[in-house]
C-alpha atoms as a PDB file:
ATOM      1  CA  MET A   1       0.000   0.000   0.000  1.00  0.00           C
ATOM      2  CA  GLN A   2       1.277   3.461  -0.820  1.00  0.00           C
ATOM      3  CA  VAL A   3       2.373   5.663   2.047  1.00  0.00           C
ATOM      4  CA  ARG A   4      -0.005   8.456   1.040  1.00  0.00           C
ATOM      5  CA  THR A   5      -2.983   6.075   1.252  1.00  0.00           C
ATOM      6  CA  THR A   6      -1.798   4.668   4.587  1.00  0.00           C
ATOM      7  CA  VAL A   7      -1.474   8.186   6.008  1.00  0.00           C
ATOM      8  CA  ALA A   8      -4.899   9.222   4.652  1.00  0.00           C
ATOM      9  CA  GLN A   9      -6.505   6.186   6.298  1.00  0.00           C
ATOM     10  CA  GLY A  10      -4.945   7.098   9.651  1.00  0.00           C
ATOM     11  CA  GLN A  11      -2.857   3.926   9.805  1.00  0.00           C
ATOM     12  CA  MET A  12       0.453   5.659  10.573  1.00  0.00           C
ATOM     13  CA  PRO A  13       0.992   7.517  13.857  1.00  0.00           C
ATOM     14  CA  THR A  14       2.401  11.020  13.938  1.00  0.00           C
ATOM     15  CA  LEU A  15       5.385  12.064  16.017  1.00  0.00           C
ATOM     16  CA  GLN A  16       2.955  14.049  18.200  1.00  0.00           C
ATOM     17  CA  GLN A  17       0.787  10.962  18.823  1.00  0.00           C
ATOM     18  CA  VAL A  18       3.835   8.881  19.728  1.00  0.00           C
ATOM     19  CA  ALA A  19       4.999  11.530  22.214  1.00  0.00           C
ATOM     20  CA  GLU A  20       1.559  11.825  23.850  1.00  0.00           C
ATOM     21  CA  SER A  21       0.635   8.136  23.900  1.00  0.00           C
ATOM     22  CA  SER A  22       1.368   5.626  26.617  1.00  0.00           C
ATOM     23  CA  ASN A  23       0.468   2.895  24.103  1.00  0.00           C
ATOM     24  CA  ASP A  24       3.160   1.310  22.007  1.00  0.00           C
ATOM     25  CA  LEU A  25       2.328   2.949  18.676  1.00  0.00           C
ATOM     26  CA  VAL A  26       6.069   2.552  18.095  1.00  0.00           C
ATOM     27  CA  LEU A  27       8.361   0.388  20.219  1.00  0.00           C
ATOM     28  CA  PRO A  28       9.336   2.550  23.201  1.00  0.00           C
ATOM     29  CA  ASP A  29      13.003   1.554  23.057  1.00  0.00           C
ATOM     30  CA  ALA A  30      13.281   2.315  19.326  1.00  0.00           C
ATOM     31  CA  SER A  31      15.992   4.687  18.222  1.00  0.00           C
ATOM     32  CA  LEU A  32      15.051   7.284  15.630  1.00  0.00           C
ATOM     33  CA  ALA A  33      17.590   5.657  13.276  1.00  0.00           C
ATOM     34  CA  GLY A  34      15.385   2.528  13.256  1.00  0.00           C
ATOM     35  CA  LEU A  35      12.328   4.440  12.037  1.00  0.00           C
ATOM     36  CA  ARG A  36      11.222   6.016   8.770  1.00  0.00           C
ATOM     37  CA  PHE A  37       9.551   9.435   8.642  1.00  0.00           C
ATOM     38  CA  PHE A  38       7.081  10.788   6.087  1.00  0.00           C
ATOM     39  CA  ARG A  39       5.096  13.902   5.259  1.00  0.00           C
ATOM     40  CA  ASP A  40       1.366  13.641   4.552  1.00  0.00           C
ATOM     41  CA  SER A  41       2.172  13.657   0.833  1.00  0.00           C
ATOM     42  CA  GLY A  42       3.954  10.311   1.282  1.00  0.00           C
ATOM     43  CA  THR A  43       7.409  11.831   0.790  1.00  0.00           C
ATOM     44  CA  GLU A  44      10.059  10.242   3.000  1.00  0.00           C
ATOM     45  CA  VAL A  45      12.027  12.782   5.023  1.00  0.00           C
ATOM     46  CA  GLY A  46      14.931  12.744   7.434  1.00  0.00           C
ATOM     47  CA  LEU A  47      14.813  14.244  10.917  1.00  0.00           C
ATOM     48  CA  GLY A  48      17.165  16.978  12.023  1.00  0.00           C
ATOM     49  CA  TYR A  49      19.785  18.798  10.026  1.00  0.00           C
ATOM     50  CA  ALA A  50      20.545  17.586   6.504  1.00  0.00           C
ATOM     51  CA  THR A  51      24.244  17.245   7.372  1.00  0.00           C
ATOM     52  CA  ALA A  52      23.665  15.209  10.568  1.00  0.00           C
ATOM     53  CA  ARG A  53      24.942  11.644  10.798  1.00  0.00           C
ATOM     54  CA  GLU A  54      21.837  10.332  12.564  1.00  0.00           C
ATOM     55  CA  PRO A  55      18.215  11.454  13.007  1.00  0.00           C
ATOM     56  CA  THR A  56      17.710  13.895  15.867  1.00  0.00           C
ATOM     57  CA  VAL A  57      14.721  15.724  17.300  1.00  0.00           C
ATOM     58  CA  TRP A  58      15.374  18.893  19.271  1.00  0.00           C
ATOM     59  CA  MET A  59      13.201  19.538  22.320  1.00  0.00           C
ATOM     60  CA  THR A  60      12.972  22.516  24.660  1.00  0.00           C
ATOM     61  CA  ASN A  61      11.457  23.385  28.008  1.00  0.00           C
ATOM     62  CA  GLY A  62      11.806  27.105  27.301  1.00  0.00           C
ATOM     63  CA  SER A  63      15.174  27.544  28.977  1.00  0.00           C
ATOM     64  CA  SER A  64      17.084  24.421  27.902  1.00  0.00           C
ATOM     65  CA  THR A  65      17.329  22.557  24.612  1.00  0.00           C
ATOM     66  CA  ALA A  66      18.264  18.891  24.152  1.00  0.00           C
ATOM     67  CA  ALA A  67      18.978  16.631  21.184  1.00  0.00           C
ATOM     68  CA  VAL A  68      16.805  13.521  21.488  1.00  0.00           C
ATOM     69  CA  LYS A  69      17.520  10.290  19.601  1.00  0.00           C
ATOM     70  CA  THR A  70      15.074   7.678  20.971  1.00  0.00           C
ATOM     71  CA  VAL A  71      11.314   7.319  21.319  1.00  0.00           C
ATOM     72  CA  ALA A  72      11.691   6.780  25.085  1.00  0.00           C
ATOM     73  CA  GLU A  73      13.543  10.110  25.442  1.00  0.00           C
ATOM     74  CA  ILE A  74      10.869  11.910  23.417  1.00  0.00           C
ATOM     75  CA  ARG A  75       8.101  10.492  25.619  1.00  0.00           C
ATOM     76  CA  SER A  76       9.850  11.202  28.919  1.00  0.00           C
ATOM     77  CA  ARG A  77      10.709  14.793  27.994  1.00  0.00           C
ATOM     78  CA  TYR A  78       7.213  15.406  26.597  1.00  0.00           C
ATOM     79  CA  VAL A  79       5.653  14.177  29.874  1.00  0.00           C
ATOM     80  CA  GLU A  80       7.968  16.586  31.744  1.00  0.00           C
ATOM     81  CA  GLY A  81       6.538  19.485  29.722  1.00  0.00           C
ATOM     82  CA  TRP A  82       9.170  19.763  27.004  1.00  0.00           C
ATOM     83  CA  ASP A  83       8.018  20.628  23.485  1.00  0.00           C
ATOM     84  CA  PHE A  84       9.401  19.971  20.016  1.00  0.00           C
ATOM     85  CA  GLY A  85      11.961  22.385  18.587  1.00  0.00           C
ATOM     86  CA  THR A  86      13.974  25.178  20.114  1.00  0.00           C
ATOM     87  CA  ALA A  87      12.847  28.442  21.670  1.00  0.00           C
ATOM     88  CA  ALA A  88      13.672  30.241  18.411  1.00  0.00           C
ATOM     89  CA  HIS A  89      12.287  27.555  16.060  1.00  0.00           C
ATOM     90  CA  PRO A  90       9.394  25.516  17.491  1.00  0.00           C
ATOM     91  CA  GLY A  91       8.565  22.308  15.629  1.00  0.00           C
ATOM     92  CA  VAL A  92      10.424  19.401  14.063  1.00  0.00           C
ATOM     93  CA  ARG A  93      13.276  20.079  11.637  1.00  0.00           C
ATOM     94  CA  ILE A  94      13.076  17.786   8.612  1.00  0.00           C
ATOM     95  CA  HIS A  95      15.117  17.502   5.451  1.00  0.00           C
ATOM     96  CA  VAL A  96      14.714  15.868   2.072  1.00  0.00           C
ATOM     97  CA  PRO A  97      17.157  12.930   1.887  1.00  0.00           C
ATOM     98  CA  ASN A  98      20.227  13.517  -0.298  1.00  0.00           C
ATOM     99  CA  SER A  99      19.686  17.262  -0.353  1.00  0.00           C
ATOM    100  CA  ARG A 100      20.283  20.210   1.935  1.00  0.00           C
ATOM    101  CA  THR A 101      16.657  21.323   1.795  1.00  0.00           C
ATOM    102  CA  GLU A 102      15.355  21.749   5.347  1.00  0.00           C
ATOM    103  CA  LYS A 103      11.996  22.785   6.763  1.00  0.00           C
ATOM    104  CA  ILE A 104      10.356  22.953  10.175  1.00  0.00           C
ATOM    105  CA  LEU A 105       6.995  21.195  10.579  1.00  0.00           C
ATOM    106  CA  GLN A 106       4.648  20.599  13.477  1.00  0.00           C
ATOM    107  CA  ALA A 107       5.082  17.167  15.108  1.00  0.00           C
ATOM    108  CA  SER A 108       1.518  16.354  14.005  1.00  0.00           C
ATOM    109  CA  GLU A 109       2.670  16.588  10.361  1.00  0.00           C
ATOM    110  CA  VAL A 110       5.470  13.994  10.625  1.00  0.00           C
ATOM    111  CA  PHE A 111       4.335  10.365  10.237  1.00  0.00           C
ATOM    112  CA  ILE A 112       6.287   7.344  11.480  1.00  0.00           C
ATOM    113  CA  ARG A 113       6.721   3.698  10.563  1.00  0.00           C
ATOM    114  CA  PRO A 114       9.370   1.113  11.503  1.00  0.00           C
ATOM    115  CA  ARG A 115      12.285   0.936   9.052  1.00  0.00           C
ATOM    116  CA  ASP A 116      11.626  -2.725   8.157  1.00  0.00           C
ATOM    117  CA  SER A 117       7.984  -2.038   7.145  1.00  0.00           C
ATOM    118  CA  VAL A 118       7.163  -1.832   3.470  1.00  0.00           C
END
């Protein structure tokens, strides 16, 4: 099934849903490197800066900023009141693979599936 159809049918969780949920929408011990990320158009994207070696989500509590690399870290920081992004740039930084094109989206606009899923 095409990613766009899967997203439209609500069969892929968003990064926001994963952060808010106590259910295992994604394995809690999963690293971001073991996941694939998509926009609602079905386009696969990378997380973080285009030049980064591994996917990273930045989170802030308003005074501190941290680079987060696992689902468990995202959930624990979100429960503590942290939000996605930095104080200057709220949201999730994404990039188009194999390019330097970057954009910041809301966590509710980034869809997730395990890397081994087709």
